[in-house]
């Protein structure tokens, strides 16, 4: 799984961090960020729900192809 956060779109609503706090956090400016080591979602079942919860669709979750 690959998670992408569009920092130009993010408004800092924090829904991702509330939905999947084991994967997402907010940076010092209040914008969405991934926790260290969570670039692949860490197997959290809530990652896709967090992306859907974003009011401006700043988070994209895609499957990695190996």
PDB file of N, CA and C in Angstrom:
ATOM      1  N   UNK A   1       0.843  -1.169   0.000  1.00  0.00           N
ATOM      2  CA  UNK A   1       0.000   0.000   0.000  1.00  0.00           C
ATOM      3  C   UNK A   1       0.892   1.237   0.000  1.00  0.00           C
ATOM      4  N   UNK A   2       0.469   2.239  -0.752  1.00  0.00           N
ATOM      5  CA  UNK A   2       1.192   3.510  -0.796  1.00  0.00           C
ATOM      6  C   UNK A   2       0.206   4.624  -0.433  1.00  0.00           C
ATOM      7  N   UNK A   3       0.634   5.507   0.463  1.00  0.00           N
ATOM      8  CA  UNK A   3      -0.199   6.624   0.900  1.00  0.00           C
ATOM      9  C   UNK A   3       0.442   7.912   0.427  1.00  0.00           C
ATOM     10  N   UNK A   4      -0.335   8.760  -0.227  1.00  0.00           N
ATOM     11  CA  UNK A   4       0.151  10.050  -0.682  1.00  0.00           C
ATOM     12  C   UNK A   4      -0.725  11.143  -0.086  1.00  0.00           C
ATOM     13  N   UNK A   5      -0.095  12.166   0.474  1.00  0.00           N
ATOM     14  CA  UNK A   5      -0.805  13.310   1.023  1.00  0.00           C
ATOM     15  C   UNK A   5      -0.446  14.522   0.172  1.00  0.00           C
ATOM     16  N   UNK A   6      -1.433  15.125  -0.445  1.00  0.00           N
ATOM     17  CA  UNK A   6      -1.216  16.320  -1.261  1.00  0.00           C
ATOM     18  C   UNK A   6      -1.208  17.529  -0.328  1.00  0.00           C
ATOM     19  N   UNK A   7      -0.024  18.000  -0.006  1.00  0.00           N
ATOM     20  CA  UNK A   7       0.135  19.110   0.937  1.00  0.00           C
ATOM     21  C   UNK A   7      -0.453  20.413   0.391  1.00  0.00           C
ATOM     22  N   UNK A   8      -0.599  20.526  -0.929  1.00  0.00           N
ATOM     23  CA  UNK A   8      -1.188  21.728  -1.513  1.00  0.00           C
ATOM     24  C   UNK A   8      -2.708  21.750  -1.349  1.00  0.00           C
ATOM     25  N   UNK A   9      -3.297  20.590  -1.112  1.00  0.00           N
ATOM     26  CA  UNK A   9      -4.747  20.472  -0.976  1.00  0.00           C
ATOM     27  C   UNK A   9      -5.167  20.408   0.498  1.00  0.00           C
ATOM     28  N   UNK A  10      -4.336  19.812   1.336  1.00  0.00           N
ATOM     29  CA  UNK A  10      -4.659  19.610   2.749  1.00  0.00           C
ATOM     30  C   UNK A  10      -4.996  20.936   3.434  1.00  0.00           C
ATOM     31  N   UNK A  11      -6.089  20.930   4.227  1.00  0.00           N
ATOM     32  CA  UNK A  11      -6.484  22.129   4.970  1.00  0.00           C
ATOM     33  C   UNK A  11      -6.289  21.944   6.475  1.00  0.00           C
ATOM     34  N   UNK A  12      -5.771  20.790   6.879  1.00  0.00           N
ATOM     35  CA  UNK A  12      -5.502  20.554   8.292  1.00  0.00           C
ATOM     36  C   UNK A  12      -6.726  20.241   9.125  1.00  0.00           C
ATOM     37  N   UNK A  13      -7.737  19.631   8.519  1.00  0.00           N
ATOM     38  CA  UNK A  13      -8.956  19.299   9.256  1.00  0.00           C
ATOM     39  C   UNK A  13      -8.699  18.249  10.333  1.00  0.00           C
ATOM     40  N   UNK A  14      -7.708  17.391  10.120  1.00  0.00           N
ATOM     41  CA  UNK A  14      -7.328  16.404  11.128  1.00  0.00           C
ATOM     42  C   UNK A  14      -8.159  15.139  11.167  1.00  0.00           C
ATOM     43  N   UNK A  15      -9.058  14.966  10.212  1.00  0.00           N
ATOM     44  CA  UNK A  15      -9.901  13.771  10.209  1.00  0.00           C
ATOM     45  C   UNK A  15      -9.087  12.496  10.042  1.00  0.00           C
ATOM     46  N   UNK A  16      -7.997  12.574   9.286  1.00  0.00           N
ATOM     47  CA  UNK A  16      -7.150  11.392   9.090  1.00  0.00           C
ATOM     48  C   UNK A  16      -6.517  10.963  10.410  1.00  0.00           C
ATOM     49  N   UNK A  17      -6.001  11.929  11.165  1.00  0.00           N
ATOM     50  CA  UNK A  17      -5.358  11.611  12.449  1.00  0.00           C
ATOM     51  C   UNK A  17      -6.370  11.110  13.467  1.00  0.00           C
ATOM     52  N   UNK A  18      -7.583  11.581  13.387  1.00  0.00           N
ATOM     53  CA  UNK A  18      -8.637  11.097  14.292  1.00  0.00           C
ATOM     54  C   UNK A  18      -9.082   9.684  13.913  1.00  0.00           C
ATOM     55  N   UNK A  19      -9.122   9.394  12.615  1.00  0.00           N
ATOM     56  CA  UNK A  19      -9.596   8.101  12.135  1.00  0.00           C
ATOM     57  C   UNK A  19      -8.547   7.006  12.261  1.00  0.00           C
ATOM     58  N   UNK A  20      -7.301   7.325  11.915  1.00  0.00           N
ATOM     59  CA  UNK A  20      -6.214   6.335  11.953  1.00  0.00           C
ATOM     60  C   UNK A  20      -4.999   6.939  12.673  1.00  0.00           C
ATOM     61  N   UNK A  21      -5.095   7.123  13.988  1.00  0.00           N
ATOM     62  CA  UNK A  21      -4.005   7.777  14.728  1.00  0.00           C
ATOM     63  C   UNK A  21      -2.714   6.981  14.781  1.00  0.00           C
ATOM     64  N   UNK A  22      -2.772   5.712  14.428  1.00  0.00           N
ATOM     65  CA  UNK A  22      -1.557   4.896  14.392  1.00  0.00           C
ATOM     66  C   UNK A  22      -0.763   5.093  13.100  1.00  0.00           C
ATOM     67  N   UNK A  23      -1.355   5.819  12.133  1.00  0.00           N
ATOM     68  CA  UNK A  23      -0.702   6.053  10.838  1.00  0.00           C
ATOM     69  C   UNK A  23      -0.492   7.544  10.574  1.00  0.00           C
ATOM     70  N   UNK A  24      -1.491   8.365  10.875  1.00  0.00           N
ATOM     71  CA  UNK A  24      -1.450   9.792  10.556  1.00  0.00           C
ATOM     72  C   UNK A  24      -1.272  10.649  11.795  1.00  0.00           C
ATOM     73  N   UNK A  25      -0.673  11.806  11.576  1.00  0.00           N
ATOM     74  CA  UNK A  25      -0.544  12.821  12.609  1.00  0.00           C
ATOM     75  C   UNK A  25      -0.679  14.168  11.913  1.00  0.00           C
ATOM     76  N   UNK A  26      -0.491  15.241  12.651  1.00  0.00           N
ATOM     77  CA  UNK A  26      -0.470  16.562  12.052  1.00  0.00           C
ATOM     78  C   UNK A  26       0.887  17.187  12.344  1.00  0.00           C
ATOM     79  N   UNK A  27       1.447  17.872  11.343  1.00  0.00           N
ATOM     80  CA  UNK A  27       2.759  18.491  11.522  1.00  0.00           C
ATOM     81  C   UNK A  27       2.628  19.763  12.357  1.00  0.00           C
ATOM     82  N   UNK A  28       3.726  20.464  12.530  1.00  0.00           N
ATOM     83  CA  UNK A  28       3.730  21.669  13.363  1.00  0.00           C
ATOM     84  C   UNK A  28       2.810  22.763  12.848  1.00  0.00           C
ATOM     85  N   UNK A  29       2.497  22.733  11.558  1.00  0.00           N
ATOM     86  CA  UNK A  29       1.589  23.711  10.970  1.00  0.00           C
ATOM     87  C   UNK A  29       0.141  23.227  10.958  1.00  0.00           C
ATOM     88  N   UNK A  30      -0.090  22.019  11.452  1.00  0.00           N
ATOM     89  CA  UNK A  30      -1.444  21.479  11.525  1.00  0.00           C
ATOM     90  C   UNK A  30      -1.880  20.669  10.329  1.00  0.00           C
ATOM     91  N   UNK A  31      -0.969  20.434   9.380  1.00  0.00           N
ATOM     92  CA  UNK A  31      -1.320  19.678   8.185  1.00  0.00           C
ATOM     93  C   UNK A  31      -1.036  18.190   8.361  1.00  0.00           C
ATOM     94  N   UNK A  32      -1.718  17.393   7.594  1.00  0.00           N
ATOM     95  CA  UNK A  32      -1.589  15.946   7.671  1.00  0.00           C
ATOM     96  C   UNK A  32      -0.175  15.486   7.365  1.00  0.00           C
ATOM     97  N   UNK A  33       0.255  14.470   8.117  1.00  0.00           N
ATOM     98  CA  UNK A  33       1.569  13.868   7.912  1.00  0.00           C
ATOM     99  C   UNK A  33       1.489  12.403   8.328  1.00  0.00           C
ATOM    100  N   UNK A  34       2.372  11.603   7.783  1.00  0.00           N
ATOM    101  CA  UNK A  34       2.460  10.205   8.172  1.00  0.00           C
ATOM    102  C   UNK A  34       3.411  10.079   9.351  1.00  0.00           C
ATOM    103  N   UNK A  35       3.086   9.212  10.272  1.00  0.00           N
ATOM    104  CA  UNK A  35       4.000   8.933  11.365  1.00  0.00           C
ATOM    105  C   UNK A  35       5.230   8.222  10.811  1.00  0.00           C
ATOM    106  N   UNK A  36       6.388   8.418  11.412  1.00  0.00           N
ATOM    107  CA  UNK A  36       7.595   7.736  10.933  1.00  0.00           C
ATOM    108  C   UNK A  36       7.390   6.218  10.856  1.00  0.00           C
ATOM    109  N   UNK A  37       7.795   5.651   9.723  1.00  0.00           N
ATOM    110  CA  UNK A  37       7.681   4.215   9.521  1.00  0.00           C
ATOM    111  C   UNK A  37       6.313   3.745   9.051  1.00  0.00           C
ATOM    112  N   UNK A  38       5.402   4.673   8.821  1.00  0.00           N
ATOM    113  CA  UNK A  38       4.038   4.307   8.416  1.00  0.00           C
ATOM    114  C   UNK A  38       3.739   4.636   6.954  1.00  0.00           C
ATOM    115  N   UNK A  39       4.773   4.795   6.161  1.00  0.00           N
ATOM    116  CA  UNK A  39       4.586   5.163   4.761  1.00  0.00           C
ATOM    117  C   UNK A  39       3.727   4.163   3.996  1.00  0.00           C
ATOM    118  N   UNK A  40       3.706   2.929   4.426  1.00  0.00           N
ATOM    119  CA  UNK A  40       2.900   1.895   3.782  1.00  0.00           C
ATOM    120  C   UNK A  40       1.621   1.584   4.535  1.00  0.00           C
ATOM    121  N   UNK A  41       1.321   2.348   5.542  1.00  0.00           N
ATOM    122  CA  UNK A  41       0.083   2.152   6.294  1.00  0.00           C
ATOM    123  C   UNK A  41       0.198   1.197   7.455  1.00  0.00           C
ATOM    124  N   UNK A  42       1.299   0.476   7.540  1.00  0.00           N
ATOM    125  CA  UNK A  42       1.510  -0.427   8.667  1.00  0.00           C
ATOM    126  C   UNK A  42       0.440  -1.494   8.828  1.00  0.00           C
ATOM    127  N   UNK A  43      -0.280  -1.792   7.751  1.00  0.00           N
ATOM    128  CA  UNK A  43      -1.316  -2.812   7.815  1.00  0.00           C
ATOM    129  C   UNK A  43      -2.592  -2.355   8.498  1.00  0.00           C
ATOM    130  N   UNK A  44      -2.692  -1.063   8.784  1.00  0.00           N
ATOM    131  CA  UNK A  44      -3.884  -0.558   9.467  1.00  0.00           C
ATOM    132  C   UNK A  44      -5.113  -0.660   8.569  1.00  0.00           C
ATOM    133  N   UNK A  45      -6.186  -1.248   9.076  1.00  0.00           N
ATOM    134  CA  UNK A  45      -7.414  -1.335   8.294  1.00  0.00           C
ATOM    135  C   UNK A  45      -8.137   0.007   8.185  1.00  0.00           C
ATOM    136  N   UNK A  46      -7.674   1.013   8.923  1.00  0.00           N
ATOM    137  CA  UNK A  46      -8.353   2.302   8.937  1.00  0.00           C
ATOM    138  C   UNK A  46      -7.797   3.319   7.945  1.00  0.00           C
ATOM    139  N   UNK A  47      -6.729   2.959   7.227  1.00  0.00           N
ATOM    140  CA  UNK A  47      -6.096   3.909   6.313  1.00  0.00           C
ATOM    141  C   UNK A  47      -7.062   4.367   5.235  1.00  0.00           C
ATOM    142  N   UNK A  48      -7.753   3.456   4.599  1.00  0.00           N
ATOM    143  CA  UNK A  48      -8.696   3.838   3.536  1.00  0.00           C
ATOM    144  C   UNK A  48      -9.854   4.663   4.096  1.00  0.00           C
ATOM    145  N   UNK A  49     -10.299   4.331   5.283  1.00  0.00           N
ATOM    146  CA  UNK A  49     -11.363   5.107   5.916  1.00  0.00           C
ATOM    147  C   UNK A  49     -10.882   6.526   6.208  1.00  0.00           C
ATOM    148  N   UNK A  50      -9.631   6.658   6.639  1.00  0.00           N
ATOM    149  CA  UNK A  50      -9.064   7.984   6.898  1.00  0.00           C
ATOM    150  C   UNK A  50      -9.014   8.807   5.620  1.00  0.00           C
ATOM    151  N   UNK A  51      -8.645   8.173   4.509  1.00  0.00           N
ATOM    152  CA  UNK A  51      -8.621   8.880   3.219  1.00  0.00           C
ATOM    153  C   UNK A  51     -10.021   9.334   2.833  1.00  0.00           C
ATOM    154  N   UNK A  52     -11.010   8.493   3.055  1.00  0.00           N
ATOM    155  CA  UNK A  52     -12.393   8.864   2.742  1.00  0.00           C
ATOM    156  C   UNK A  52     -12.900   9.979   3.658  1.00  0.00           C
ATOM    157  N   UNK A  53     -12.388  10.041   4.881  1.00  0.00           N
ATOM    158  CA  UNK A  53     -12.831  11.046   5.844  1.00  0.00           C
ATOM    159  C   UNK A  53     -12.291  12.441   5.543  1.00  0.00           C
ATOM    160  N   UNK A  54     -11.251  12.520   4.711  1.00  0.00           N
ATOM    161  CA  UNK A  54     -10.654  13.818   4.389  1.00  0.00           C
ATOM    162  C   UNK A  54     -11.668  14.677   3.623  1.00  0.00           C
ATOM    163  N   UNK A  55     -12.000  15.855   4.145  1.00  0.00           N
ATOM    164  CA  UNK A  55     -13.031  16.672   3.490  1.00  0.00           C
ATOM    165  C   UNK A  55     -12.603  17.271   2.151  1.00  0.00           C
ATOM    166  N   UNK A  56     -11.306  17.277   1.863  1.00  0.00           N
ATOM    167  CA  UNK A  56     -10.831  17.842   0.600  1.00  0.00           C
ATOM    168  C   UNK A  56     -10.120  16.811  -0.270  1.00  0.00           C
ATOM    169  N   UNK A  57     -10.222  15.533   0.087  1.00  0.00           N
ATOM    170  CA  UNK A  57      -9.629  14.426  -0.675  1.00  0.00           C
ATOM    171  C   UNK A  57      -8.132  14.614  -0.923  1.00  0.00           C
ATOM    172  N   UNK A  58      -7.414  15.026   0.114  1.00  0.00           N
ATOM    173  CA  UNK A  58      -5.974  15.250   0.005  1.00  0.00           C
ATOM    174  C   UNK A  58      -5.164  13.965   0.129  1.00  0.00           C
ATOM    175  N   UNK A  59      -5.806  12.867   0.540  1.00  0.00           N
ATOM    176  CA  UNK A  59      -5.099  11.606   0.770  1.00  0.00           C
ATOM    177  C   UNK A  59      -5.493  10.590  -0.297  1.00  0.00           C
ATOM    178  N   UNK A  60      -4.476  10.008  -0.910  1.00  0.00           N
ATOM    179  CA  UNK A  60      -4.697   8.966  -1.906  1.00  0.00           C
ATOM    180  C   UNK A  60      -4.024   7.692  -1.411  1.00  0.00           C
ATOM    181  N   UNK A  61      -4.759   6.595  -1.451  1.00  0.00           N
ATOM    182  CA  UNK A  61      -4.222   5.290  -1.050  1.00  0.00           C
ATOM    183  C   UNK A  61      -4.259   4.393  -2.286  1.00  0.00           C
ATOM    184  N   UNK A  62      -3.111   3.833  -2.618  1.00  0.00           N
ATOM    185  CA  UNK A  62      -3.056   2.932  -3.763  1.00  0.00           C
ATOM    186  C   UNK A  62      -2.290   1.667  -3.387  1.00  0.00           C
ATOM    187  N   UNK A  63      -2.547   0.638  -4.136  1.00  0.00           N
ATOM    188  CA  UNK A  63      -1.838  -0.622  -3.919  1.00  0.00           C
ATOM    189  C   UNK A  63      -0.490  -0.547  -4.627  1.00  0.00           C
ATOM    190  N   UNK A  64       0.512  -1.069  -3.994  1.00  0.00           N
ATOM    191  CA  UNK A  64       1.827  -1.123  -4.623  1.00  0.00           C
ATOM    192  C   UNK A  64       1.901  -2.383  -5.464  1.00  0.00           C
ATOM    193  N   UNK A  65       2.521  -2.272  -6.596  1.00  0.00           N
ATOM    194  CA  UNK A  65       2.667  -3.402  -7.504  1.00  0.00           C
ATOM    195  C   UNK A  65       4.119  -3.862  -7.415  1.00  0.00           C
ATOM    196  N   UNK A  66       4.303  -5.155  -7.098  1.00  0.00           N
ATOM    197  CA  UNK A  66       5.671  -5.655  -6.993  1.00  0.00           C
ATOM    198  C   UNK A  66       5.967  -6.678  -8.061  1.00  0.00           C
TER     199      UNK A  66
END
